[in-house]
N, C-alpha and C. Protein backbone atom coordinates (compact mmCIF):
# COMPACT_ATOMS: atom_id res chain seq x y z
N MET A 1 10.79 6.59 10.22
CA MET A 1 9.77 6.34 11.24
C MET A 1 9.03 5.06 10.90
N LEU A 2 8.97 4.16 11.87
CA LEU A 2 8.27 2.89 11.70
C LEU A 2 7.05 2.88 12.61
N LYS A 3 5.88 2.65 12.02
CA LYS A 3 4.62 2.57 12.76
C LYS A 3 4.04 1.17 12.60
N ILE A 4 3.89 0.47 13.72
CA ILE A 4 3.26 -0.86 13.70
C ILE A 4 1.76 -0.67 13.90
N VAL A 5 0.98 -1.06 12.90
CA VAL A 5 -0.47 -0.95 12.99
C VAL A 5 -0.99 -2.25 13.60
N ASP A 6 -1.17 -2.24 14.91
CA ASP A 6 -1.53 -3.46 15.64
C ASP A 6 -2.94 -3.39 16.20
N HIS A 7 -3.80 -2.66 15.50
CA HIS A 7 -5.22 -2.62 15.88
C HIS A 7 -5.77 -4.05 15.89
N LEU A 8 -6.63 -4.35 16.83
CA LEU A 8 -7.15 -5.70 17.00
C LEU A 8 -7.81 -6.22 15.72
N LEU A 9 -8.59 -5.37 15.04
CA LEU A 9 -9.24 -5.80 13.80
C LEU A 9 -8.23 -6.13 12.72
N VAL A 10 -7.17 -5.34 12.63
CA VAL A 10 -6.12 -5.60 11.64
C VAL A 10 -5.47 -6.95 11.91
N LEU A 11 -5.15 -7.21 13.16
CA LEU A 11 -4.48 -8.47 13.50
C LEU A 11 -5.39 -9.67 13.26
N GLU A 12 -6.69 -9.51 13.49
CA GLU A 12 -7.62 -10.61 13.21
C GLU A 12 -7.68 -10.90 11.72
N ILE A 13 -7.75 -9.85 10.90
CA ILE A 13 -7.80 -10.04 9.44
C ILE A 13 -6.49 -10.66 8.96
N LEU A 14 -5.38 -10.16 9.48
CA LEU A 14 -4.08 -10.72 9.07
C LEU A 14 -4.00 -12.20 9.39
N THR A 15 -4.52 -12.60 10.53
CA THR A 15 -4.54 -14.02 10.90
C THR A 15 -5.32 -14.84 9.87
N LYS A 16 -6.45 -14.30 9.43
CA LYS A 16 -7.29 -15.02 8.46
C LYS A 16 -6.62 -15.15 7.10
N ILE A 17 -5.99 -14.06 6.63
CA ILE A 17 -5.44 -14.12 5.27
C ILE A 17 -4.13 -14.89 5.19
N ARG A 18 -3.52 -15.18 6.33
CA ARG A 18 -2.31 -16.01 6.33
C ARG A 18 -2.62 -17.49 6.07
N LYS A 19 -3.84 -17.90 6.28
CA LYS A 19 -4.17 -19.33 6.28
C LYS A 19 -3.89 -19.96 4.93
N LYS A 20 -3.16 -21.04 4.94
CA LYS A 20 -2.84 -21.78 3.72
C LYS A 20 -4.11 -22.24 3.03
N GLY A 21 -4.17 -22.03 1.72
CA GLY A 21 -5.33 -22.47 0.94
C GLY A 21 -6.47 -21.47 0.90
N ILE A 22 -6.29 -20.28 1.42
CA ILE A 22 -7.36 -19.27 1.40
C ILE A 22 -7.76 -18.97 -0.04
N LYS A 23 -9.06 -18.76 -0.25
CA LYS A 23 -9.55 -18.43 -1.58
C LYS A 23 -9.12 -17.01 -1.96
N SER A 24 -8.87 -16.80 -3.24
CA SER A 24 -8.38 -15.51 -3.73
C SER A 24 -9.31 -14.37 -3.34
N ALA A 25 -10.63 -14.58 -3.48
CA ALA A 25 -11.58 -13.51 -3.17
C ALA A 25 -11.51 -13.12 -1.71
N HIS A 26 -11.38 -14.11 -0.82
CA HIS A 26 -11.29 -13.81 0.61
C HIS A 26 -9.98 -13.10 0.94
N PHE A 27 -8.91 -13.51 0.27
CA PHE A 27 -7.61 -12.86 0.48
C PHE A 27 -7.66 -11.41 0.03
N ARG A 28 -8.19 -11.18 -1.16
CA ARG A 28 -8.26 -9.80 -1.66
C ARG A 28 -9.10 -8.93 -0.74
N ASN A 29 -10.23 -9.45 -0.30
CA ASN A 29 -11.10 -8.67 0.59
C ASN A 29 -10.39 -8.34 1.91
N GLY A 30 -9.60 -9.28 2.41
CA GLY A 30 -8.85 -9.03 3.64
C GLY A 30 -7.80 -7.94 3.46
N ILE A 31 -7.09 -7.98 2.35
CA ILE A 31 -6.08 -6.96 2.07
C ILE A 31 -6.73 -5.59 1.89
N ILE A 32 -7.87 -5.56 1.20
CA ILE A 32 -8.61 -4.29 1.03
C ILE A 32 -8.97 -3.71 2.40
N GLU A 33 -9.47 -4.55 3.28
CA GLU A 33 -9.87 -4.07 4.61
C GLU A 33 -8.67 -3.58 5.41
N ILE A 34 -7.55 -4.28 5.31
CA ILE A 34 -6.34 -3.84 6.00
C ILE A 34 -5.90 -2.48 5.45
N GLY A 35 -5.95 -2.30 4.14
CA GLY A 35 -5.60 -1.01 3.56
C GLY A 35 -6.48 0.11 4.08
N ARG A 36 -7.76 -0.18 4.24
CA ARG A 36 -8.69 0.83 4.77
C ARG A 36 -8.35 1.17 6.22
N LEU A 37 -8.11 0.16 7.04
CA LEU A 37 -7.82 0.40 8.45
C LEU A 37 -6.47 1.09 8.65
N MET A 38 -5.48 0.74 7.85
CA MET A 38 -4.19 1.42 7.91
C MET A 38 -4.35 2.90 7.54
N SER A 39 -5.22 3.17 6.59
CA SER A 39 -5.45 4.56 6.17
C SER A 39 -6.06 5.38 7.28
N TYR A 40 -6.91 4.77 8.11
CA TYR A 40 -7.46 5.49 9.26
C TYR A 40 -6.34 5.92 10.21
N GLU A 41 -5.38 5.01 10.44
CA GLU A 41 -4.24 5.35 11.29
C GLU A 41 -3.45 6.52 10.68
N PHE A 42 -3.21 6.43 9.40
CA PHE A 42 -2.42 7.46 8.71
C PHE A 42 -3.15 8.81 8.72
N ALA A 43 -4.48 8.78 8.61
CA ALA A 43 -5.26 10.01 8.55
C ALA A 43 -5.05 10.88 9.78
N ASN A 44 -4.75 10.25 10.91
CA ASN A 44 -4.52 11.01 12.15
C ASN A 44 -3.30 11.92 12.07
N THR A 45 -2.43 11.71 11.08
CA THR A 45 -1.21 12.51 10.96
C THR A 45 -1.37 13.65 9.96
N LEU A 46 -2.51 13.77 9.31
CA LEU A 46 -2.69 14.77 8.27
C LEU A 46 -3.04 16.14 8.85
N GLU A 47 -2.75 17.17 8.07
CA GLU A 47 -3.05 18.53 8.49
C GLU A 47 -4.55 18.76 8.48
N LYS A 48 -4.99 19.56 9.45
CA LYS A 48 -6.43 19.84 9.55
C LYS A 48 -6.63 21.28 9.98
N GLU A 49 -7.86 21.75 9.82
CA GLU A 49 -8.21 23.08 10.31
C GLU A 49 -9.58 23.03 10.98
N ASP A 50 -9.79 23.94 11.90
CA ASP A 50 -11.08 24.02 12.58
C ASP A 50 -12.09 24.71 11.67
N VAL A 51 -13.29 24.18 11.63
CA VAL A 51 -14.37 24.78 10.85
C VAL A 51 -15.65 24.75 11.68
N ASN A 52 -16.64 25.50 11.21
CA ASN A 52 -17.97 25.45 11.80
C ASN A 52 -18.93 24.80 10.82
N VAL A 53 -19.88 24.07 11.34
CA VAL A 53 -20.89 23.44 10.49
C VAL A 53 -22.27 23.79 11.05
N GLU A 54 -23.16 24.14 10.14
CA GLU A 54 -24.52 24.47 10.55
C GLU A 54 -25.35 23.20 10.63
N THR A 55 -25.86 22.90 11.81
CA THR A 55 -26.73 21.76 12.02
C THR A 55 -28.19 22.24 11.96
N PRO A 56 -29.14 21.33 11.98
CA PRO A 56 -30.55 21.77 12.01
C PRO A 56 -30.90 22.60 13.24
N LEU A 57 -30.03 22.53 14.28
CA LEU A 57 -30.37 23.22 15.53
C LEU A 57 -29.33 24.24 15.97
N GLY A 58 -28.39 24.55 15.10
CA GLY A 58 -27.39 25.55 15.50
C GLY A 58 -26.07 25.36 14.80
N ILE A 59 -25.00 25.91 15.40
CA ILE A 59 -23.66 25.84 14.83
C ILE A 59 -22.79 24.94 15.71
N ALA A 60 -22.10 24.00 15.07
CA ALA A 60 -21.23 23.08 15.79
C ALA A 60 -19.79 23.27 15.33
N ASP A 61 -18.84 22.97 16.22
CA ASP A 61 -17.43 22.95 15.86
C ASP A 61 -17.12 21.67 15.09
N GLY A 62 -16.23 21.79 14.13
CA GLY A 62 -15.82 20.62 13.37
C GLY A 62 -14.40 20.78 12.86
N ILE A 63 -13.94 19.82 12.07
CA ILE A 63 -12.61 19.90 11.47
C ILE A 63 -12.69 19.53 10.00
N LYS A 64 -11.72 19.99 9.26
CA LYS A 64 -11.57 19.64 7.85
C LYS A 64 -10.13 19.21 7.61
N ILE A 65 -9.94 18.05 6.99
CA ILE A 65 -8.60 17.61 6.60
C ILE A 65 -8.20 18.42 5.37
N THR A 66 -7.16 19.22 5.50
CA THR A 66 -6.81 20.17 4.44
C THR A 66 -5.91 19.57 3.36
N SER A 67 -5.35 18.39 3.63
CA SER A 67 -4.35 17.85 2.70
C SER A 67 -4.85 16.65 1.89
N ARG A 68 -6.15 16.42 1.87
CA ARG A 68 -6.68 15.27 1.14
C ARG A 68 -6.26 15.27 -0.33
N LYS A 69 -6.35 16.45 -0.96
CA LYS A 69 -6.08 16.52 -2.39
C LYS A 69 -4.58 16.51 -2.71
N ASP A 70 -3.74 16.48 -1.67
CA ASP A 70 -2.30 16.40 -1.88
C ASP A 70 -1.79 14.97 -1.93
N ILE A 71 -2.68 14.00 -1.67
CA ILE A 71 -2.24 12.61 -1.56
C ILE A 71 -2.11 11.97 -2.95
N VAL A 72 -1.01 11.26 -3.14
CA VAL A 72 -0.78 10.46 -4.34
C VAL A 72 -0.50 9.03 -3.90
N ILE A 73 -1.26 8.08 -4.41
CA ILE A 73 -1.07 6.66 -4.08
C ILE A 73 -0.34 5.99 -5.24
N ILE A 74 0.74 5.29 -4.92
CA ILE A 74 1.52 4.56 -5.92
C ILE A 74 1.26 3.07 -5.71
N THR A 75 0.72 2.43 -6.73
CA THR A 75 0.47 0.99 -6.65
C THR A 75 1.52 0.23 -7.46
N ILE A 76 1.94 -0.92 -6.93
CA ILE A 76 2.94 -1.75 -7.58
C ILE A 76 2.24 -2.97 -8.15
N LEU A 77 2.20 -3.04 -9.48
CA LEU A 77 1.51 -4.16 -10.13
C LEU A 77 2.24 -5.46 -9.86
N ARG A 78 1.48 -6.52 -9.57
CA ARG A 78 0.03 -6.55 -9.48
C ARG A 78 -0.45 -6.72 -8.04
N ALA A 79 0.51 -7.07 -7.17
CA ALA A 79 0.18 -7.52 -5.82
C ALA A 79 -0.50 -6.44 -4.98
N SER A 80 -0.19 -5.17 -5.25
CA SER A 80 -0.70 -4.13 -4.34
C SER A 80 -2.05 -3.57 -4.76
N LEU A 81 -2.66 -4.10 -5.79
CA LEU A 81 -3.96 -3.58 -6.22
C LEU A 81 -5.02 -3.65 -5.11
N PRO A 82 -5.19 -4.76 -4.40
CA PRO A 82 -6.19 -4.77 -3.32
C PRO A 82 -5.86 -3.79 -2.19
N LEU A 83 -4.58 -3.66 -1.83
CA LEU A 83 -4.18 -2.73 -0.79
C LEU A 83 -4.51 -1.30 -1.21
N THR A 84 -4.22 -0.97 -2.46
CA THR A 84 -4.54 0.36 -2.99
C THR A 84 -6.04 0.60 -2.97
N ASN A 85 -6.81 -0.42 -3.31
CA ASN A 85 -8.27 -0.31 -3.29
C ASN A 85 -8.76 0.11 -1.90
N GLY A 86 -8.20 -0.50 -0.86
CA GLY A 86 -8.59 -0.15 0.51
C GLY A 86 -8.21 1.28 0.87
N ILE A 87 -7.03 1.72 0.42
CA ILE A 87 -6.59 3.10 0.70
C ILE A 87 -7.51 4.09 0.01
N LEU A 88 -7.89 3.80 -1.22
CA LEU A 88 -8.75 4.70 -1.98
C LEU A 88 -10.14 4.84 -1.37
N ARG A 89 -10.58 3.86 -0.60
CA ARG A 89 -11.88 3.98 0.07
C ARG A 89 -11.87 5.07 1.14
N VAL A 90 -10.69 5.37 1.67
CA VAL A 90 -10.56 6.42 2.68
C VAL A 90 -10.16 7.74 2.04
N PHE A 91 -9.37 7.66 0.97
CA PHE A 91 -8.89 8.87 0.29
C PHE A 91 -9.29 8.84 -1.19
N PRO A 92 -10.59 8.93 -1.49
CA PRO A 92 -11.03 8.82 -2.88
C PRO A 92 -10.57 9.98 -3.76
N GLU A 93 -10.17 11.09 -3.14
CA GLU A 93 -9.71 12.24 -3.91
C GLU A 93 -8.26 12.10 -4.36
N ALA A 94 -7.57 11.08 -3.90
CA ALA A 94 -6.14 10.95 -4.15
C ALA A 94 -5.84 10.78 -5.63
N GLN A 95 -4.69 11.31 -6.04
CA GLN A 95 -4.17 10.99 -7.35
C GLN A 95 -3.56 9.59 -7.30
N TYR A 96 -3.17 9.10 -8.47
CA TYR A 96 -2.85 7.68 -8.58
C TYR A 96 -1.68 7.49 -9.54
N GLY A 97 -0.72 6.70 -9.13
CA GLY A 97 0.40 6.34 -9.99
C GLY A 97 0.58 4.83 -10.01
N VAL A 98 1.17 4.32 -11.09
CA VAL A 98 1.32 2.87 -11.26
C VAL A 98 2.77 2.55 -11.65
N ILE A 99 3.30 1.52 -11.02
CA ILE A 99 4.62 1.01 -11.38
C ILE A 99 4.51 -0.49 -11.61
N GLY A 100 5.05 -0.95 -12.72
CA GLY A 100 5.17 -2.38 -12.98
C GLY A 100 6.57 -2.84 -12.62
N ALA A 101 6.70 -3.57 -11.53
CA ALA A 101 8.02 -4.02 -11.07
C ALA A 101 7.90 -5.37 -10.41
N TRP A 102 8.91 -6.18 -10.59
CA TRP A 102 8.94 -7.46 -9.91
C TRP A 102 10.39 -7.90 -9.79
N ARG A 103 10.63 -8.81 -8.87
CA ARG A 103 12.00 -9.29 -8.68
C ARG A 103 12.14 -10.68 -9.27
N ARG A 104 13.34 -11.00 -9.68
CA ARG A 104 13.64 -12.36 -10.13
C ARG A 104 13.64 -13.29 -8.92
N ASN A 105 13.33 -14.56 -9.17
CA ASN A 105 13.13 -15.50 -8.07
C ASN A 105 14.39 -16.22 -7.62
N THR A 106 15.54 -15.78 -8.12
CA THR A 106 16.79 -16.40 -7.70
C THR A 106 17.74 -15.31 -7.22
N PRO A 107 18.58 -15.65 -6.23
CA PRO A 107 19.54 -14.65 -5.74
C PRO A 107 20.40 -14.13 -6.89
N PRO A 108 20.76 -12.84 -6.88
CA PRO A 108 20.57 -11.84 -5.82
C PRO A 108 19.22 -11.11 -5.89
N PHE A 109 18.21 -11.72 -6.51
CA PHE A 109 16.84 -11.17 -6.56
C PHE A 109 16.82 -9.79 -7.23
N ASP A 110 17.45 -9.72 -8.41
CA ASP A 110 17.44 -8.48 -9.18
C ASP A 110 16.02 -8.08 -9.53
N VAL A 111 15.81 -6.78 -9.73
CA VAL A 111 14.47 -6.23 -9.95
C VAL A 111 14.29 -5.85 -11.41
N CYS A 112 13.15 -6.22 -11.97
CA CYS A 112 12.77 -5.81 -13.32
C CYS A 112 11.67 -4.75 -13.20
N MET A 113 11.76 -3.70 -14.01
CA MET A 113 10.75 -2.65 -14.01
C MET A 113 10.47 -2.27 -15.45
N ASP A 114 9.20 -2.40 -15.86
CA ASP A 114 8.89 -2.15 -17.26
C ASP A 114 7.78 -1.12 -17.48
N TYR A 115 7.28 -0.51 -16.40
CA TYR A 115 6.19 0.46 -16.59
C TYR A 115 6.17 1.45 -15.43
N LEU A 116 6.13 2.74 -15.77
CA LEU A 116 5.95 3.79 -14.77
C LEU A 116 4.98 4.82 -15.32
N LYS A 117 3.94 5.11 -14.58
CA LYS A 117 3.01 6.18 -14.91
C LYS A 117 2.75 6.94 -13.61
N ILE A 118 3.48 8.02 -13.42
CA ILE A 118 3.51 8.71 -12.13
C ILE A 118 3.18 10.19 -12.34
N PRO A 119 2.27 10.76 -11.55
CA PRO A 119 1.99 12.19 -11.64
C PRO A 119 3.11 13.01 -10.99
N ASP A 120 3.01 14.32 -11.11
CA ASP A 120 3.96 15.22 -10.45
C ASP A 120 3.89 15.02 -8.93
N LEU A 121 5.04 14.80 -8.31
CA LEU A 121 5.08 14.51 -6.87
C LEU A 121 5.55 15.70 -6.03
N ASN A 122 5.81 16.82 -6.65
CA ASN A 122 6.28 17.98 -5.89
C ASN A 122 5.26 18.40 -4.83
N ASP A 123 5.74 18.49 -3.57
CA ASP A 123 4.93 18.93 -2.44
C ASP A 123 3.72 18.03 -2.18
N LYS A 124 3.77 16.80 -2.62
CA LYS A 124 2.67 15.86 -2.42
C LYS A 124 2.93 14.96 -1.20
N ILE A 125 1.88 14.32 -0.76
CA ILE A 125 1.97 13.27 0.27
C ILE A 125 1.85 11.94 -0.46
N VAL A 126 2.95 11.23 -0.57
CA VAL A 126 3.01 10.02 -1.39
C VAL A 126 2.87 8.79 -0.50
N ILE A 127 1.93 7.92 -0.87
CA ILE A 127 1.77 6.62 -0.22
C ILE A 127 2.12 5.54 -1.23
N VAL A 128 3.17 4.78 -0.96
CA VAL A 128 3.54 3.64 -1.79
C VAL A 128 2.96 2.39 -1.17
N ALA A 129 2.10 1.70 -1.92
CA ALA A 129 1.41 0.52 -1.41
C ALA A 129 2.08 -0.75 -1.94
N ASP A 130 2.52 -1.61 -1.05
CA ASP A 130 3.11 -2.89 -1.44
C ASP A 130 2.92 -3.84 -0.27
N PRO A 131 2.16 -4.93 -0.44
CA PRO A 131 1.79 -5.74 0.73
C PRO A 131 2.96 -6.39 1.46
N MET A 132 4.06 -6.70 0.74
CA MET A 132 5.17 -7.40 1.38
C MET A 132 6.47 -6.64 1.15
N LEU A 133 7.19 -6.34 2.23
CA LEU A 133 8.55 -5.82 2.13
C LEU A 133 9.47 -6.94 2.57
N ALA A 134 10.05 -7.62 1.59
CA ALA A 134 10.87 -8.80 1.89
C ALA A 134 12.36 -8.44 1.85
N THR A 135 13.02 -8.62 0.71
CA THR A 135 14.44 -8.28 0.63
C THR A 135 14.67 -6.77 0.63
N GLY A 136 13.67 -6.01 0.18
CA GLY A 136 13.82 -4.57 0.06
C GLY A 136 14.37 -4.13 -1.28
N ASN A 137 14.78 -5.07 -2.15
CA ASN A 137 15.38 -4.69 -3.43
C ASN A 137 14.40 -3.95 -4.33
N THR A 138 13.17 -4.47 -4.43
CA THR A 138 12.18 -3.82 -5.28
C THR A 138 11.84 -2.44 -4.77
N MET A 139 11.60 -2.31 -3.48
CA MET A 139 11.24 -1.02 -2.92
C MET A 139 12.37 -0.01 -3.04
N GLU A 140 13.58 -0.45 -2.89
CA GLU A 140 14.72 0.46 -3.03
C GLU A 140 14.76 1.07 -4.43
N LEU A 141 14.53 0.24 -5.46
CA LEU A 141 14.52 0.76 -6.83
C LEU A 141 13.33 1.67 -7.06
N ILE A 142 12.16 1.31 -6.52
CA ILE A 142 10.96 2.13 -6.69
C ILE A 142 11.18 3.52 -6.09
N LEU A 143 11.71 3.59 -4.89
CA LEU A 143 11.93 4.88 -4.25
C LEU A 143 12.95 5.71 -5.02
N LYS A 144 13.93 5.05 -5.60
CA LYS A 144 14.91 5.76 -6.42
C LYS A 144 14.25 6.35 -7.66
N LYS A 145 13.40 5.57 -8.31
CA LYS A 145 12.72 6.03 -9.52
C LYS A 145 11.75 7.17 -9.22
N LEU A 146 11.10 7.14 -8.08
CA LEU A 146 10.14 8.19 -7.75
C LEU A 146 10.80 9.56 -7.63
N GLN A 147 12.09 9.59 -7.36
CA GLN A 147 12.80 10.85 -7.27
C GLN A 147 12.80 11.61 -8.59
N MET A 148 12.57 10.90 -9.69
CA MET A 148 12.52 11.53 -11.01
C MET A 148 11.28 12.40 -11.19
N PHE A 149 10.28 12.23 -10.34
CA PHE A 149 8.98 12.86 -10.56
C PHE A 149 8.68 13.99 -9.58
N GLY A 150 9.70 14.43 -8.84
CA GLY A 150 9.50 15.58 -7.97
C GLY A 150 9.93 15.31 -6.54
N ASN A 151 9.76 16.30 -5.72
CA ASN A 151 10.18 16.26 -4.32
C ASN A 151 8.95 16.31 -3.42
N PRO A 152 8.44 15.17 -2.98
CA PRO A 152 7.24 15.17 -2.13
C PRO A 152 7.55 15.71 -0.75
N LYS A 153 6.51 16.27 -0.09
CA LYS A 153 6.71 16.74 1.28
C LYS A 153 6.68 15.58 2.27
N ARG A 154 6.03 14.48 1.91
CA ARG A 154 6.05 13.28 2.73
C ARG A 154 6.02 12.08 1.81
N ILE A 155 6.71 11.02 2.21
CA ILE A 155 6.60 9.75 1.48
C ILE A 155 6.48 8.62 2.49
N THR A 156 5.45 7.80 2.29
CA THR A 156 5.08 6.77 3.25
C THR A 156 4.92 5.44 2.53
N LEU A 157 5.38 4.37 3.15
CA LEU A 157 5.19 3.02 2.64
C LEU A 157 4.13 2.31 3.47
N PHE A 158 3.10 1.79 2.80
CA PHE A 158 2.10 0.93 3.43
C PHE A 158 2.43 -0.51 3.04
N THR A 159 2.73 -1.34 4.02
CA THR A 159 2.99 -2.75 3.76
C THR A 159 2.33 -3.58 4.84
N VAL A 160 1.81 -4.73 4.48
CA VAL A 160 1.11 -5.57 5.44
C VAL A 160 2.10 -6.31 6.33
N ILE A 161 3.12 -6.91 5.72
CA ILE A 161 4.16 -7.63 6.47
C ILE A 161 5.52 -7.16 5.97
N SER A 162 6.43 -6.92 6.91
CA SER A 162 7.79 -6.50 6.58
C SER A 162 8.79 -7.44 7.23
N SER A 163 9.91 -7.65 6.57
CA SER A 163 11.00 -8.42 7.17
C SER A 163 11.99 -7.47 7.83
N GLU A 164 12.66 -7.94 8.84
CA GLU A 164 13.70 -7.13 9.48
C GLU A 164 14.81 -6.76 8.50
N PRO A 165 15.31 -7.71 7.66
CA PRO A 165 16.34 -7.32 6.70
C PRO A 165 15.86 -6.27 5.71
N GLY A 166 14.61 -6.39 5.24
CA GLY A 166 14.08 -5.42 4.30
C GLY A 166 13.94 -4.04 4.93
N LEU A 167 13.44 -3.99 6.15
CA LEU A 167 13.32 -2.71 6.85
C LEU A 167 14.68 -2.06 7.06
N LYS A 168 15.66 -2.86 7.48
CA LYS A 168 17.00 -2.32 7.71
C LYS A 168 17.57 -1.72 6.44
N LYS A 169 17.38 -2.40 5.33
CA LYS A 169 17.90 -1.94 4.04
C LYS A 169 17.26 -0.62 3.63
N ILE A 170 15.92 -0.56 3.71
CA ILE A 170 15.20 0.63 3.25
C ILE A 170 15.40 1.81 4.19
N MET A 171 15.35 1.56 5.49
CA MET A 171 15.45 2.66 6.45
C MET A 171 16.86 3.25 6.49
N SER A 172 17.87 2.44 6.17
CA SER A 172 19.23 2.98 6.13
C SER A 172 19.44 3.84 4.89
N SER A 173 18.79 3.48 3.78
CA SER A 173 18.93 4.25 2.54
C SER A 173 18.01 5.46 2.51
N TYR A 174 16.83 5.35 3.17
CA TYR A 174 15.82 6.41 3.15
C TYR A 174 15.34 6.69 4.57
N PRO A 175 16.19 7.34 5.38
CA PRO A 175 15.83 7.55 6.79
C PRO A 175 14.60 8.44 6.99
N GLU A 176 14.25 9.24 5.97
CA GLU A 176 13.08 10.11 6.09
C GLU A 176 11.77 9.39 5.77
N LEU A 177 11.85 8.17 5.29
CA LEU A 177 10.68 7.41 4.90
C LEU A 177 9.84 7.03 6.11
N GLU A 178 8.52 7.18 5.99
CA GLU A 178 7.58 6.72 7.00
C GLU A 178 7.06 5.35 6.56
N ILE A 179 7.10 4.38 7.45
CA ILE A 179 6.67 3.02 7.11
C ILE A 179 5.57 2.59 8.06
N TYR A 180 4.44 2.19 7.46
CA TYR A 180 3.32 1.61 8.22
C TYR A 180 3.26 0.13 7.86
N THR A 181 3.32 -0.73 8.86
CA THR A 181 3.24 -2.16 8.62
C THR A 181 2.48 -2.82 9.77
N CYS A 182 1.94 -4.01 9.50
CA CYS A 182 1.14 -4.70 10.51
C CYS A 182 1.93 -5.77 11.26
N SER A 183 3.04 -6.20 10.68
CA SER A 183 3.85 -7.24 11.33
C SER A 183 5.28 -7.14 10.82
N VAL A 184 6.24 -7.28 11.74
CA VAL A 184 7.65 -7.33 11.39
C VAL A 184 8.17 -8.73 11.72
N GLU A 185 8.75 -9.40 10.74
CA GLU A 185 9.18 -10.79 10.92
C GLU A 185 10.65 -10.94 10.55
N LYS A 186 11.34 -11.85 11.24
CA LYS A 186 12.80 -11.88 11.23
C LYS A 186 13.40 -12.54 10.00
N GLU A 187 12.75 -13.57 9.48
CA GLU A 187 13.45 -14.43 8.53
C GLU A 187 13.02 -14.24 7.09
N LEU A 188 13.97 -14.47 6.18
CA LEU A 188 13.71 -14.69 4.76
C LEU A 188 14.24 -16.06 4.40
N ASN A 189 13.48 -16.81 3.59
CA ASN A 189 13.99 -18.12 3.17
C ASN A 189 14.92 -17.96 1.96
N LYS A 190 15.42 -19.06 1.44
CA LYS A 190 16.39 -19.01 0.34
C LYS A 190 15.81 -18.42 -0.93
N ASP A 191 14.46 -18.40 -1.03
CA ASP A 191 13.80 -17.82 -2.19
C ASP A 191 13.44 -16.35 -1.98
N GLY A 192 13.84 -15.80 -0.85
CA GLY A 192 13.59 -14.39 -0.58
C GLY A 192 12.20 -14.08 -0.09
N TYR A 193 11.45 -15.10 0.38
CA TYR A 193 10.13 -14.86 0.93
C TYR A 193 10.20 -14.74 2.45
N ILE A 194 9.29 -13.92 3.00
CA ILE A 194 9.23 -13.73 4.44
C ILE A 194 8.69 -14.98 5.11
N VAL A 195 9.31 -15.40 6.22
CA VAL A 195 8.88 -16.55 7.00
C VAL A 195 8.49 -16.08 8.40
N PRO A 196 7.25 -16.38 8.89
CA PRO A 196 6.22 -17.20 8.25
C PRO A 196 5.45 -16.47 7.15
N GLY A 197 5.39 -15.14 7.17
CA GLY A 197 4.77 -14.40 6.08
C GLY A 197 3.38 -14.86 5.74
N LEU A 198 3.10 -14.85 4.43
CA LEU A 198 1.83 -15.41 3.96
C LEU A 198 1.94 -15.97 2.55
N GLY A 199 3.16 -16.03 2.03
CA GLY A 199 3.36 -16.53 0.67
C GLY A 199 3.47 -15.39 -0.33
N ASP A 200 3.21 -15.70 -1.60
CA ASP A 200 3.28 -14.71 -2.67
C ASP A 200 1.93 -14.00 -2.78
N ALA A 201 1.88 -12.74 -2.36
CA ALA A 201 0.61 -12.02 -2.28
C ALA A 201 -0.05 -11.87 -3.65
N GLY A 202 0.75 -11.64 -4.69
CA GLY A 202 0.19 -11.51 -6.02
C GLY A 202 -0.45 -12.80 -6.52
N ASP A 203 0.24 -13.90 -6.31
CA ASP A 203 -0.28 -15.20 -6.76
C ASP A 203 -1.53 -15.59 -5.97
N ILE A 204 -1.55 -15.32 -4.67
CA ILE A 204 -2.71 -15.67 -3.87
C ILE A 204 -3.92 -14.82 -4.28
N ALA A 205 -3.67 -13.55 -4.54
CA ALA A 205 -4.77 -12.65 -4.87
C ALA A 205 -5.33 -12.89 -6.27
N PHE A 206 -4.45 -13.23 -7.23
CA PHE A 206 -4.88 -13.25 -8.63
C PHE A 206 -4.56 -14.54 -9.38
N GLY A 207 -3.94 -15.51 -8.68
CA GLY A 207 -3.58 -16.76 -9.33
C GLY A 207 -2.20 -16.70 -9.93
N LYS A 208 -1.56 -17.86 -10.04
CA LYS A 208 -0.21 -17.91 -10.60
C LYS A 208 -0.26 -17.69 -12.11
N PRO A 209 0.64 -16.83 -12.64
CA PRO A 209 0.66 -16.64 -14.09
C PRO A 209 1.11 -17.90 -14.78
N SER A 210 0.57 -18.14 -15.97
CA SER A 210 0.96 -19.36 -16.70
C SER A 210 2.28 -19.17 -17.40
């Protein structure tokens, strides 16, 4: 399932963070806000129950989201830290997992993974946060590794921008995956970056490593 989050506020923020030369702090804040707004969209799909609440003047009907404590957020170091921050503002009760993974910058863009700290995923609602889905190689390996930690009842990918080739790769391998993204773009350049995209999200957010 592919969900395009095209809320007007999301699209305005995305326009701002794409700008060449944006300051890291402004970029991080934009990604945080997008993560928060995407989480509002996702929250509409969660299980709920009817409850009553006592007001100062009587009893009112209300609802309670029953699955908040079932959510596990997986962050991919380092680029997805701001996106995860935004998700946690909506789901502060969520558990948290971390994966250190990155791809090599030359074809065939092999993936390196050197750190996994993941809680039990059995019967959980898993949100994998990664701002860019480009070739799909990194995400394919991440989803494969997550299978080692249990059988979640739902698994969802939050990404700000996705490429058509990356989506095709991931959705063919994991047809049950739910994907939330703000923009789908057709091209990848020879370096495996999405065009027009926004560049390297990790480097923009935190600076290029020396």
